[in-house]
Amino acid sequence: MITCAALLSERVTRAVIISGSSLPIDTSEMPLINKLYWKGLGTMPFVGTWLQRQQRDMILKMAEDPDAFMASRQGRKMLENVPKDEVKFYLDPEIRDAFGRSSVESYRQGSDGIRAMTQEMKLMRRGWEVDLSKIPSGLVYLLHGTADKNVPVSNAYKNAKAIPGAHLEIFEGVGHGLFLGNLEKLGEILNS
């Protein structure tokens, strides 16, 4: 979305980035295993593919039978990494099912989808290939939670510094699922 704001600013009226990374992705505040994943483990031949398949299988399992997944060891482990205030969203059947359906969509292409995810990770380790200073002031809104372990809040601060007039809003104690509890806020920004 940030690239669209830079390259197609005449066609973009508002760009809202929720829990988005800077480029290259800032891993400095990530747990060690996440750092290793982003620093190369996730894109290594065989290992990266295996890790991507594990993630895909977990998401497919969650989408197939959400209640059974949440009751499983794997589901409980996943919830341990979610901030306490966000657990309710993963347990709410309507929100959880919508999240599951949208997550499954990213794996619709089978092995090609896994290769695409690996390629995306490689691209995210590189810098922006567009000049962010060309984005019109005030076009970009950055929303990020301080408890995000997937994409640390430092990424939002880096983007805000690079994008002219970016609107930065930080949510204390909120994780990567920030959008789940802020759909109304998102609607307000998009309608403003």
N, C-alpha and C. Protein backbone atom coordinates (compact mmCIF):
# COMPACT_ATOMS: atom_id res chain seq x y z
N MET A 1 0.81 -1.18 0.00
CA MET A 1 0.00 0.00 0.00
C MET A 1 0.87 1.26 0.00
N ILE A 2 1.98 1.23 0.73
CA ILE A 2 2.87 2.39 0.76
C ILE A 2 3.44 2.64 -0.63
N THR A 3 3.79 1.56 -1.33
CA THR A 3 4.31 1.70 -2.69
C THR A 3 3.26 2.31 -3.61
N CYS A 4 2.01 1.89 -3.46
CA CYS A 4 0.92 2.48 -4.26
C CYS A 4 0.81 3.97 -3.98
N ALA A 5 0.92 4.37 -2.71
CA ALA A 5 0.84 5.79 -2.35
C ALA A 5 1.99 6.57 -2.99
N ALA A 6 3.16 5.92 -3.13
CA ALA A 6 4.31 6.60 -3.72
C ALA A 6 4.22 6.67 -5.23
N LEU A 7 3.78 5.60 -5.86
CA LEU A 7 3.78 5.54 -7.33
C LEU A 7 2.47 5.98 -7.97
N LEU A 8 1.36 5.87 -7.24
CA LEU A 8 0.05 6.19 -7.81
C LEU A 8 -0.70 7.21 -6.97
N SER A 9 0.03 8.18 -6.45
CA SER A 9 -0.58 9.11 -5.50
C SER A 9 -1.79 9.85 -6.07
N GLU A 10 -1.82 10.02 -7.39
CA GLU A 10 -2.97 10.72 -8.00
C GLU A 10 -4.23 9.85 -7.99
N ARG A 11 -4.08 8.55 -7.74
CA ARG A 11 -5.23 7.65 -7.72
C ARG A 11 -5.57 7.15 -6.31
N VAL A 12 -4.69 7.42 -5.35
CA VAL A 12 -4.90 6.95 -3.98
C VAL A 12 -5.40 8.12 -3.13
N THR A 13 -6.56 7.93 -2.51
CA THR A 13 -7.12 9.01 -1.68
C THR A 13 -6.74 8.86 -0.21
N ARG A 14 -6.45 7.62 0.20
CA ARG A 14 -6.08 7.35 1.58
C ARG A 14 -5.37 6.00 1.61
N ALA A 15 -4.27 5.92 2.31
CA ALA A 15 -3.57 4.64 2.49
C ALA A 15 -3.48 4.37 3.98
N VAL A 16 -4.06 3.26 4.41
CA VAL A 16 -4.05 2.90 5.83
C VAL A 16 -3.20 1.65 5.99
N ILE A 17 -2.14 1.76 6.75
CA ILE A 17 -1.22 0.65 6.98
C ILE A 17 -1.41 0.20 8.43
N ILE A 18 -1.89 -1.03 8.60
CA ILE A 18 -2.14 -1.56 9.93
C ILE A 18 -1.10 -2.65 10.22
N SER A 19 -0.31 -2.43 11.25
CA SER A 19 0.72 -3.40 11.65
C SER A 19 1.68 -3.71 10.51
N GLY A 20 2.00 -2.70 9.72
CA GLY A 20 2.85 -2.90 8.54
C GLY A 20 4.33 -2.77 8.84
N SER A 21 5.11 -3.41 7.99
CA SER A 21 6.57 -3.37 8.18
C SER A 21 7.19 -2.22 7.41
N SER A 22 8.34 -1.81 7.88
CA SER A 22 9.18 -0.90 7.12
C SER A 22 10.03 -1.80 6.22
N LEU A 23 10.69 -1.21 5.26
CA LEU A 23 11.61 -2.00 4.42
C LEU A 23 12.99 -1.39 4.51
N PRO A 24 13.99 -2.19 4.81
CA PRO A 24 13.86 -3.58 5.18
C PRO A 24 13.14 -3.70 6.53
N ILE A 25 12.50 -4.85 6.73
CA ILE A 25 11.75 -5.04 7.96
C ILE A 25 12.70 -4.93 9.16
N ASP A 26 12.26 -4.20 10.16
CA ASP A 26 13.06 -4.02 11.38
C ASP A 26 12.76 -5.17 12.33
N THR A 27 13.74 -6.01 12.55
CA THR A 27 13.57 -7.19 13.41
C THR A 27 14.16 -6.98 14.81
N SER A 28 14.67 -5.78 15.09
CA SER A 28 15.42 -5.55 16.33
C SER A 28 14.63 -5.87 17.60
N GLU A 29 13.33 -5.70 17.60
CA GLU A 29 12.53 -5.94 18.81
C GLU A 29 11.79 -7.28 18.76
N MET A 30 12.13 -8.13 17.80
CA MET A 30 11.45 -9.43 17.69
C MET A 30 12.08 -10.45 18.63
N PRO A 31 11.29 -11.45 19.04
CA PRO A 31 11.88 -12.58 19.77
C PRO A 31 12.92 -13.27 18.88
N LEU A 32 13.89 -13.92 19.48
CA LEU A 32 15.01 -14.51 18.74
C LEU A 32 14.57 -15.42 17.60
N ILE A 33 13.59 -16.28 17.82
CA ILE A 33 13.17 -17.21 16.77
C ILE A 33 12.60 -16.47 15.57
N ASN A 34 11.85 -15.38 15.83
CA ASN A 34 11.32 -14.57 14.73
C ASN A 34 12.45 -13.88 13.96
N LYS A 35 13.45 -13.39 14.71
CA LYS A 35 14.60 -12.75 14.05
C LYS A 35 15.29 -13.73 13.12
N LEU A 36 15.54 -14.93 13.63
CA LEU A 36 16.21 -15.95 12.81
C LEU A 36 15.39 -16.27 11.57
N TYR A 37 14.08 -16.34 11.75
CA TYR A 37 13.17 -16.62 10.64
C TYR A 37 13.31 -15.55 9.55
N TRP A 38 13.28 -14.28 9.97
CA TRP A 38 13.37 -13.18 9.01
C TRP A 38 14.77 -12.98 8.46
N LYS A 39 15.78 -13.31 9.23
CA LYS A 39 17.16 -13.10 8.77
C LYS A 39 17.60 -14.12 7.74
N GLY A 40 16.80 -15.16 7.52
CA GLY A 40 17.16 -16.11 6.47
C GLY A 40 16.61 -17.50 6.63
N LEU A 41 16.29 -17.89 7.86
CA LEU A 41 15.78 -19.23 8.09
C LEU A 41 14.50 -19.49 7.29
N GLY A 42 13.63 -18.48 7.20
CA GLY A 42 12.36 -18.63 6.51
C GLY A 42 12.47 -18.75 5.00
N THR A 43 13.64 -18.42 4.45
CA THR A 43 13.80 -18.50 2.99
C THR A 43 14.85 -19.53 2.56
N MET A 44 15.39 -20.23 3.53
CA MET A 44 16.39 -21.26 3.19
C MET A 44 15.72 -22.40 2.41
N PRO A 45 16.42 -22.96 1.41
CA PRO A 45 15.85 -24.11 0.71
C PRO A 45 15.52 -25.21 1.72
N PHE A 46 14.45 -25.88 1.51
CA PHE A 46 13.94 -26.98 2.33
C PHE A 46 13.44 -26.49 3.69
N VAL A 47 14.29 -25.83 4.48
CA VAL A 47 13.88 -25.38 5.81
C VAL A 47 12.77 -24.34 5.70
N GLY A 48 12.97 -23.33 4.86
CA GLY A 48 11.97 -22.28 4.68
C GLY A 48 10.66 -22.84 4.16
N THR A 49 10.76 -23.73 3.18
CA THR A 49 9.56 -24.35 2.62
C THR A 49 8.83 -25.16 3.68
N TRP A 50 9.57 -25.89 4.49
CA TRP A 50 8.98 -26.70 5.55
C TRP A 50 8.26 -25.79 6.56
N LEU A 51 8.91 -24.68 6.95
CA LEU A 51 8.30 -23.74 7.90
C LEU A 51 7.02 -23.13 7.32
N GLN A 52 7.07 -22.76 6.04
CA GLN A 52 5.88 -22.17 5.39
C GLN A 52 4.75 -23.19 5.34
N ARG A 53 5.09 -24.45 5.08
CA ARG A 53 4.06 -25.50 5.03
C ARG A 53 3.44 -25.73 6.41
N GLN A 54 4.27 -25.64 7.45
CA GLN A 54 3.76 -25.80 8.82
C GLN A 54 2.73 -24.70 9.12
N GLN A 55 3.06 -23.50 8.73
CA GLN A 55 2.15 -22.37 8.95
C GLN A 55 0.87 -22.57 8.13
N ARG A 56 1.02 -22.97 6.87
CA ARG A 56 -0.14 -23.22 6.02
C ARG A 56 -1.04 -24.29 6.64
N ASP A 57 -0.44 -25.40 7.07
CA ASP A 57 -1.23 -26.49 7.64
C ASP A 57 -1.98 -26.06 8.89
N MET A 58 -1.34 -25.21 9.71
CA MET A 58 -1.99 -24.70 10.90
C MET A 58 -3.21 -23.86 10.52
N ILE A 59 -3.06 -22.98 9.56
CA ILE A 59 -4.15 -22.10 9.14
C ILE A 59 -5.29 -22.91 8.51
N LEU A 60 -4.94 -23.90 7.69
CA LEU A 60 -5.97 -24.74 7.08
C LEU A 60 -6.74 -25.53 8.14
N LYS A 61 -6.02 -26.01 9.15
CA LYS A 61 -6.64 -26.75 10.25
C LYS A 61 -7.58 -25.84 11.03
N MET A 62 -7.13 -24.62 11.26
CA MET A 62 -7.94 -23.65 12.01
C MET A 62 -9.21 -23.32 11.22
N ALA A 63 -9.10 -23.14 9.91
CA ALA A 63 -10.26 -22.79 9.09
C ALA A 63 -11.24 -23.95 8.95
N GLU A 64 -10.72 -25.17 8.92
CA GLU A 64 -11.57 -26.35 8.74
C GLU A 64 -12.48 -26.60 9.94
N ASP A 65 -11.91 -26.53 11.14
CA ASP A 65 -12.70 -26.75 12.35
C ASP A 65 -12.15 -25.85 13.45
N PRO A 66 -12.58 -24.58 13.45
CA PRO A 66 -12.03 -23.60 14.39
C PRO A 66 -12.13 -24.00 15.86
N ASP A 67 -13.27 -24.58 16.25
CA ASP A 67 -13.44 -24.96 17.66
C ASP A 67 -12.45 -26.04 18.07
N ALA A 68 -12.30 -27.06 17.22
CA ALA A 68 -11.35 -28.14 17.52
C ALA A 68 -9.92 -27.60 17.54
N PHE A 69 -9.61 -26.70 16.61
CA PHE A 69 -8.26 -26.15 16.57
C PHE A 69 -7.96 -25.36 17.83
N MET A 70 -8.88 -24.49 18.25
CA MET A 70 -8.65 -23.67 19.44
C MET A 70 -8.53 -24.53 20.70
N ALA A 71 -9.18 -25.68 20.71
CA ALA A 71 -9.09 -26.58 21.86
C ALA A 71 -7.83 -27.44 21.81
N SER A 72 -7.16 -27.49 20.66
CA SER A 72 -5.97 -28.32 20.51
C SER A 72 -4.76 -27.67 21.16
N ARG A 73 -3.70 -28.44 21.34
CA ARG A 73 -2.45 -27.93 21.90
C ARG A 73 -1.91 -26.79 21.04
N GLN A 74 -1.98 -26.97 19.71
CA GLN A 74 -1.48 -25.97 18.79
C GLN A 74 -2.28 -24.66 18.90
N GLY A 75 -3.60 -24.78 19.04
CA GLY A 75 -4.45 -23.60 19.20
C GLY A 75 -4.18 -22.87 20.50
N ARG A 76 -4.03 -23.63 21.58
CA ARG A 76 -3.72 -23.01 22.88
C ARG A 76 -2.37 -22.32 22.84
N LYS A 77 -1.41 -22.93 22.17
CA LYS A 77 -0.06 -22.33 22.05
C LYS A 77 -0.13 -21.02 21.27
N MET A 78 -0.93 -21.02 20.20
CA MET A 78 -1.10 -19.80 19.41
C MET A 78 -1.67 -18.68 20.27
N LEU A 79 -2.68 -19.00 21.08
CA LEU A 79 -3.32 -17.99 21.92
C LEU A 79 -2.39 -17.45 23.00
N GLU A 80 -1.39 -18.24 23.41
CA GLU A 80 -0.42 -17.78 24.40
C GLU A 80 0.38 -16.59 23.87
N ASN A 81 0.54 -16.51 22.55
CA ASN A 81 1.32 -15.43 21.94
C ASN A 81 0.49 -14.23 21.55
N VAL A 82 -0.80 -14.28 21.86
CA VAL A 82 -1.71 -13.18 21.54
C VAL A 82 -1.92 -12.35 22.80
N PRO A 83 -1.83 -11.01 22.72
CA PRO A 83 -2.12 -10.20 23.90
C PRO A 83 -3.49 -10.54 24.48
N LYS A 84 -3.58 -10.52 25.80
CA LYS A 84 -4.81 -10.94 26.49
C LYS A 84 -6.07 -10.26 25.97
N ASP A 85 -5.97 -8.95 25.66
CA ASP A 85 -7.14 -8.21 25.18
C ASP A 85 -7.60 -8.67 23.80
N GLU A 86 -6.75 -9.37 23.06
CA GLU A 86 -7.11 -9.80 21.70
C GLU A 86 -7.62 -11.24 21.64
N VAL A 87 -7.43 -12.00 22.70
CA VAL A 87 -7.86 -13.41 22.71
C VAL A 87 -9.33 -13.53 22.37
N LYS A 88 -10.14 -12.60 22.88
CA LYS A 88 -11.59 -12.65 22.64
C LYS A 88 -11.94 -12.66 21.16
N PHE A 89 -11.13 -12.00 20.33
CA PHE A 89 -11.41 -11.97 18.89
C PHE A 89 -11.18 -13.33 18.25
N TYR A 90 -10.18 -14.05 18.74
CA TYR A 90 -9.89 -15.37 18.19
C TYR A 90 -10.90 -16.41 18.67
N LEU A 91 -11.60 -16.08 19.74
CA LEU A 91 -12.61 -17.00 20.27
C LEU A 91 -14.02 -16.65 19.77
N ASP A 92 -14.20 -15.45 19.24
CA ASP A 92 -15.49 -15.04 18.69
C ASP A 92 -15.69 -15.75 17.35
N PRO A 93 -16.71 -16.63 17.25
CA PRO A 93 -16.89 -17.44 16.03
C PRO A 93 -16.98 -16.62 14.74
N GLU A 94 -17.69 -15.51 14.76
CA GLU A 94 -17.86 -14.73 13.53
C GLU A 94 -16.53 -14.13 13.07
N ILE A 95 -15.83 -13.49 13.99
CA ILE A 95 -14.55 -12.86 13.64
C ILE A 95 -13.51 -13.93 13.28
N ARG A 96 -13.44 -14.98 14.09
CA ARG A 96 -12.47 -16.04 13.86
C ARG A 96 -12.69 -16.71 12.51
N ASP A 97 -13.95 -16.96 12.15
CA ASP A 97 -14.25 -17.63 10.88
C ASP A 97 -13.89 -16.73 9.69
N ALA A 98 -14.18 -15.43 9.81
CA ALA A 98 -13.81 -14.49 8.73
C ALA A 98 -12.30 -14.43 8.59
N PHE A 99 -11.60 -14.40 9.72
CA PHE A 99 -10.13 -14.38 9.69
C PHE A 99 -9.60 -15.66 9.06
N GLY A 100 -10.19 -16.80 9.43
CA GLY A 100 -9.77 -18.09 8.86
C GLY A 100 -9.97 -18.14 7.36
N ARG A 101 -11.13 -17.67 6.88
CA ARG A 101 -11.41 -17.68 5.43
C ARG A 101 -10.42 -16.80 4.67
N SER A 102 -10.13 -15.62 5.22
CA SER A 102 -9.20 -14.73 4.52
C SER A 102 -7.78 -15.28 4.55
N SER A 103 -7.40 -15.96 5.64
CA SER A 103 -6.06 -16.55 5.73
C SER A 103 -5.91 -17.71 4.77
N VAL A 104 -6.96 -18.52 4.63
CA VAL A 104 -6.91 -19.66 3.71
C VAL A 104 -6.70 -19.18 2.28
N GLU A 105 -7.26 -18.03 1.97
CA GLU A 105 -7.15 -17.49 0.61
C GLU A 105 -5.69 -17.36 0.17
N SER A 106 -4.81 -17.03 1.11
CA SER A 106 -3.40 -16.85 0.74
C SER A 106 -2.72 -18.17 0.36
N TYR A 107 -3.37 -19.29 0.64
CA TYR A 107 -2.78 -20.59 0.31
C TYR A 107 -3.52 -21.29 -0.83
N ARG A 108 -4.43 -20.59 -1.48
CA ARG A 108 -5.23 -21.18 -2.55
C ARG A 108 -4.37 -21.72 -3.70
N GLN A 109 -3.22 -21.13 -3.92
CA GLN A 109 -2.37 -21.53 -5.04
C GLN A 109 -1.45 -22.71 -4.73
N GLY A 110 -1.62 -23.35 -3.60
CA GLY A 110 -0.82 -24.52 -3.25
C GLY A 110 0.66 -24.19 -3.13
N SER A 111 1.51 -24.97 -3.79
CA SER A 111 2.97 -24.77 -3.72
C SER A 111 3.38 -23.41 -4.26
N ASP A 112 2.66 -22.90 -5.25
CA ASP A 112 2.99 -21.58 -5.78
C ASP A 112 2.80 -20.51 -4.72
N GLY A 113 1.80 -20.69 -3.86
CA GLY A 113 1.57 -19.74 -2.77
C GLY A 113 2.72 -19.75 -1.77
N ILE A 114 3.25 -20.92 -1.50
CA ILE A 114 4.39 -21.02 -0.57
C ILE A 114 5.63 -20.36 -1.20
N ARG A 115 5.85 -20.61 -2.48
CA ARG A 115 6.98 -19.95 -3.16
C ARG A 115 6.80 -18.43 -3.15
N ALA A 116 5.57 -17.97 -3.33
CA ALA A 116 5.30 -16.52 -3.31
C ALA A 116 5.60 -15.94 -1.94
N MET A 117 5.24 -16.66 -0.88
CA MET A 117 5.52 -16.17 0.48
C MET A 117 7.01 -16.08 0.73
N THR A 118 7.75 -17.06 0.23
CA THR A 118 9.21 -17.05 0.38
C THR A 118 9.80 -15.86 -0.36
N GLN A 119 9.31 -15.61 -1.57
CA GLN A 119 9.78 -14.47 -2.36
C GLN A 119 9.44 -13.15 -1.66
N GLU A 120 8.25 -13.07 -1.07
CA GLU A 120 7.86 -11.86 -0.36
C GLU A 120 8.79 -11.59 0.82
N MET A 121 9.17 -12.65 1.54
CA MET A 121 10.09 -12.49 2.66
C MET A 121 11.43 -11.93 2.19
N LYS A 122 11.91 -12.43 1.05
CA LYS A 122 13.18 -11.93 0.51
C LYS A 122 13.06 -10.45 0.17
N LEU A 123 11.94 -10.07 -0.42
CA LEU A 123 11.73 -8.66 -0.78
C LEU A 123 11.64 -7.77 0.46
N MET A 124 11.06 -8.29 1.53
CA MET A 124 10.89 -7.49 2.74
C MET A 124 12.21 -7.26 3.47
N ARG A 125 13.22 -8.00 3.13
CA ARG A 125 14.55 -7.79 3.73
C ARG A 125 15.33 -6.72 2.97
N ARG A 126 14.78 -6.26 1.84
CA ARG A 126 15.43 -5.21 1.06
C ARG A 126 14.80 -3.86 1.40
N GLY A 127 15.41 -2.81 0.95
CA GLY A 127 14.87 -1.47 1.20
C GLY A 127 13.76 -1.13 0.21
N TRP A 128 13.11 0.00 0.47
CA TRP A 128 12.08 0.48 -0.45
C TRP A 128 12.72 0.77 -1.79
N GLU A 129 12.05 0.41 -2.85
CA GLU A 129 12.56 0.70 -4.20
C GLU A 129 11.85 1.91 -4.80
N VAL A 130 11.16 2.64 -3.95
CA VAL A 130 10.49 3.87 -4.35
C VAL A 130 10.89 4.97 -3.37
N ASP A 131 10.77 6.20 -3.81
CA ASP A 131 11.11 7.35 -2.97
C ASP A 131 9.89 7.73 -2.14
N LEU A 132 9.93 7.39 -0.85
CA LEU A 132 8.78 7.66 0.02
C LEU A 132 8.56 9.15 0.25
N SER A 133 9.58 9.96 0.02
CA SER A 133 9.41 11.40 0.22
C SER A 133 8.51 12.02 -0.85
N LYS A 134 8.20 11.26 -1.89
CA LYS A 134 7.31 11.73 -2.98
C LYS A 134 5.84 11.55 -2.62
N ILE A 135 5.55 10.85 -1.54
CA ILE A 135 4.16 10.65 -1.13
C ILE A 135 3.60 11.98 -0.63
N PRO A 136 2.44 12.39 -1.15
CA PRO A 136 1.85 13.64 -0.69
C PRO A 136 1.60 13.62 0.82
N SER A 137 1.87 14.73 1.45
CA SER A 137 1.72 14.84 2.90
C SER A 137 0.29 14.55 3.33
N GLY A 138 0.15 13.75 4.38
CA GLY A 138 -1.15 13.44 4.95
C GLY A 138 -1.89 12.29 4.29
N LEU A 139 -1.35 11.68 3.27
CA LEU A 139 -2.04 10.60 2.54
C LEU A 139 -2.02 9.27 3.30
N VAL A 140 -0.96 9.04 4.09
CA VAL A 140 -0.76 7.74 4.74
C VAL A 140 -1.08 7.78 6.23
N TYR A 141 -1.84 6.76 6.66
CA TYR A 141 -2.17 6.56 8.07
C TYR A 141 -1.49 5.27 8.52
N LEU A 142 -0.77 5.34 9.62
CA LEU A 142 -0.07 4.17 10.17
C LEU A 142 -0.66 3.85 11.54
N LEU A 143 -1.21 2.65 11.68
CA LEU A 143 -1.76 2.20 12.95
C LEU A 143 -0.96 0.98 13.39
N HIS A 144 -0.48 1.00 14.64
CA HIS A 144 0.37 -0.10 15.10
C HIS A 144 0.23 -0.29 16.60
N GLY A 145 0.34 -1.53 17.05
CA GLY A 145 0.26 -1.84 18.47
C GLY A 145 1.63 -2.07 19.08
N THR A 146 1.79 -1.67 20.33
CA THR A 146 3.08 -1.81 21.01
C THR A 146 3.41 -3.26 21.36
N ALA A 147 2.39 -4.14 21.39
CA ALA A 147 2.63 -5.54 21.77
C ALA A 147 2.74 -6.46 20.55
N ASP A 148 2.93 -5.88 19.38
CA ASP A 148 3.03 -6.68 18.15
C ASP A 148 4.38 -7.39 18.11
N LYS A 149 4.35 -8.74 18.16
CA LYS A 149 5.58 -9.53 18.11
C LYS A 149 5.93 -9.93 16.67
N ASN A 150 4.95 -9.91 15.78
CA ASN A 150 5.20 -10.28 14.38
C ASN A 150 5.91 -9.16 13.63
N VAL A 151 5.41 -7.94 13.80
CA VAL A 151 6.02 -6.76 13.18
C VAL A 151 6.12 -5.72 14.28
N PRO A 152 7.28 -5.58 14.91
CA PRO A 152 7.43 -4.66 16.04
C PRO A 152 7.06 -3.22 15.68
N VAL A 153 6.61 -2.48 16.68
CA VAL A 153 6.16 -1.10 16.50
C VAL A 153 7.27 -0.20 15.94
N SER A 154 8.52 -0.58 16.10
CA SER A 154 9.63 0.21 15.55
C SER A 154 9.48 0.40 14.04
N ASN A 155 8.84 -0.55 13.37
CA ASN A 155 8.60 -0.44 11.93
C ASN A 155 7.69 0.75 11.61
N ALA A 156 6.68 0.97 12.43
CA ALA A 156 5.76 2.10 12.21
C ALA A 156 6.49 3.42 12.40
N TYR A 157 7.35 3.49 13.41
CA TYR A 157 8.10 4.72 13.63
C TYR A 157 9.04 5.02 12.45
N LYS A 158 9.66 3.98 11.92
CA LYS A 158 10.55 4.18 10.75
C LYS A 158 9.76 4.67 9.55
N ASN A 159 8.59 4.08 9.31
CA ASN A 159 7.76 4.51 8.19
C ASN A 159 7.28 5.94 8.37
N ALA A 160 6.87 6.28 9.60
CA ALA A 160 6.38 7.63 9.87
C ALA A 160 7.46 8.67 9.62
N LYS A 161 8.68 8.32 9.93
CA LYS A 161 9.80 9.24 9.71
C LYS A 161 10.08 9.43 8.22
N ALA A 162 9.88 8.39 7.43
CA ALA A 162 10.20 8.44 6.00
C ALA A 162 9.09 9.01 5.13
N ILE A 163 7.84 8.98 5.62
CA ILE A 163 6.69 9.40 4.82
C ILE A 163 6.22 10.78 5.28
N PRO A 164 6.23 11.76 4.37
CA PRO A 164 5.83 13.12 4.74
C PRO A 164 4.41 13.18 5.32
N GLY A 165 4.27 13.82 6.45
CA GLY A 165 2.97 14.06 7.05
C GLY A 165 2.17 12.81 7.38
N ALA A 166 2.85 11.69 7.59
CA ALA A 166 2.14 10.45 7.92
C ALA A 166 1.42 10.60 9.26
N HIS A 167 0.19 10.11 9.31
CA HIS A 167 -0.59 10.10 10.56
C HIS A 167 -0.23 8.81 11.29
N LEU A 168 0.41 8.92 12.43
CA LEU A 168 0.84 7.75 13.19
C LEU A 168 0.00 7.62 14.46
N GLU A 169 -0.62 6.47 14.63
CA GLU A 169 -1.37 6.21 15.86
C GLU A 169 -0.89 4.90 16.46
N ILE A 170 -0.41 4.96 17.69
CA ILE A 170 0.13 3.80 18.39
C ILE A 170 -0.88 3.36 19.44
N PHE A 171 -1.16 2.05 19.47
CA PHE A 171 -2.12 1.48 20.39
C PHE A 171 -1.36 0.69 21.46
N GLU A 172 -1.43 1.18 22.68
CA GLU A 172 -0.71 0.59 23.81
C GLU A 172 -1.24 -0.80 24.12
N GLY A 173 -0.34 -1.79 24.23
CA GLY A 173 -0.70 -3.14 24.62
C GLY A 173 -1.42 -3.97 23.57
N VAL A 174 -1.52 -3.47 22.35
CA VAL A 174 -2.24 -4.17 21.29
C VAL A 174 -1.21 -4.87 20.39
N GLY A 175 -1.56 -6.07 19.92
CA GLY A 175 -0.66 -6.86 19.09
C GLY A 175 -0.96 -6.77 17.61
N HIS A 176 -0.53 -7.81 16.90
CA HIS A 176 -0.65 -7.84 15.43
C HIS A 176 -2.10 -7.91 14.96
N GLY A 177 -3.00 -8.31 15.84
CA GLY A 177 -4.41 -8.36 15.48
C GLY A 177 -5.13 -7.05 15.71
N LEU A 178 -4.43 -5.94 15.69
CA LEU A 178 -4.98 -4.61 15.95
C LEU A 178 -6.25 -4.34 15.15
N PHE A 179 -6.27 -4.76 13.90
CA PHE A 179 -7.42 -4.47 13.04
C PHE A 179 -8.70 -5.10 13.57
N LEU A 180 -8.59 -6.24 14.27
CA LEU A 180 -9.78 -6.95 14.74
C LEU A 180 -10.62 -6.11 15.70
N GLY A 181 -9.97 -5.31 16.51
CA GLY A 181 -10.70 -4.49 17.48
C GLY A 181 -10.86 -3.04 17.06
N ASN A 182 -10.47 -2.73 15.83
CA ASN A 182 -10.51 -1.33 15.41
C ASN A 182 -11.13 -1.14 14.03
N LEU A 183 -12.10 -1.98 13.70
CA LEU A 183 -12.75 -1.87 12.40
C LEU A 183 -13.51 -0.54 12.28
N GLU A 184 -14.10 -0.09 13.37
CA GLU A 184 -14.82 1.19 13.35
C GLU A 184 -13.85 2.33 13.07
N LYS A 185 -12.70 2.30 13.73
CA LYS A 185 -11.67 3.32 13.53
C LYS A 185 -11.22 3.33 12.07
N LEU A 186 -11.01 2.14 11.53
CA LEU A 186 -10.60 2.01 10.13
C LEU A 186 -11.66 2.64 9.21
N GLY A 187 -12.93 2.38 9.49
CA GLY A 187 -14.01 2.95 8.69
C GLY A 187 -14.02 4.46 8.76
N GLU A 188 -13.77 5.02 9.96
CA GLU A 188 -13.73 6.48 10.12
C GLU A 188 -12.62 7.08 9.27
N ILE A 189 -11.45 6.48 9.29
CA ILE A 189 -10.33 7.01 8.51
C ILE A 189 -10.64 6.95 7.02
N LEU A 190 -11.15 5.83 6.57
CA LEU A 190 -11.43 5.67 5.15
C LEU A 190 -12.55 6.59 4.67
N ASN A 191 -13.48 6.92 5.56
CA ASN A 191 -14.58 7.80 5.19
C ASN A 191 -14.28 9.28 5.40
N SER A 192 -13.15 9.60 6.01
CA SER A 192 -12.84 11.01 6.28
C SER A 192 -12.36 11.74 5.04
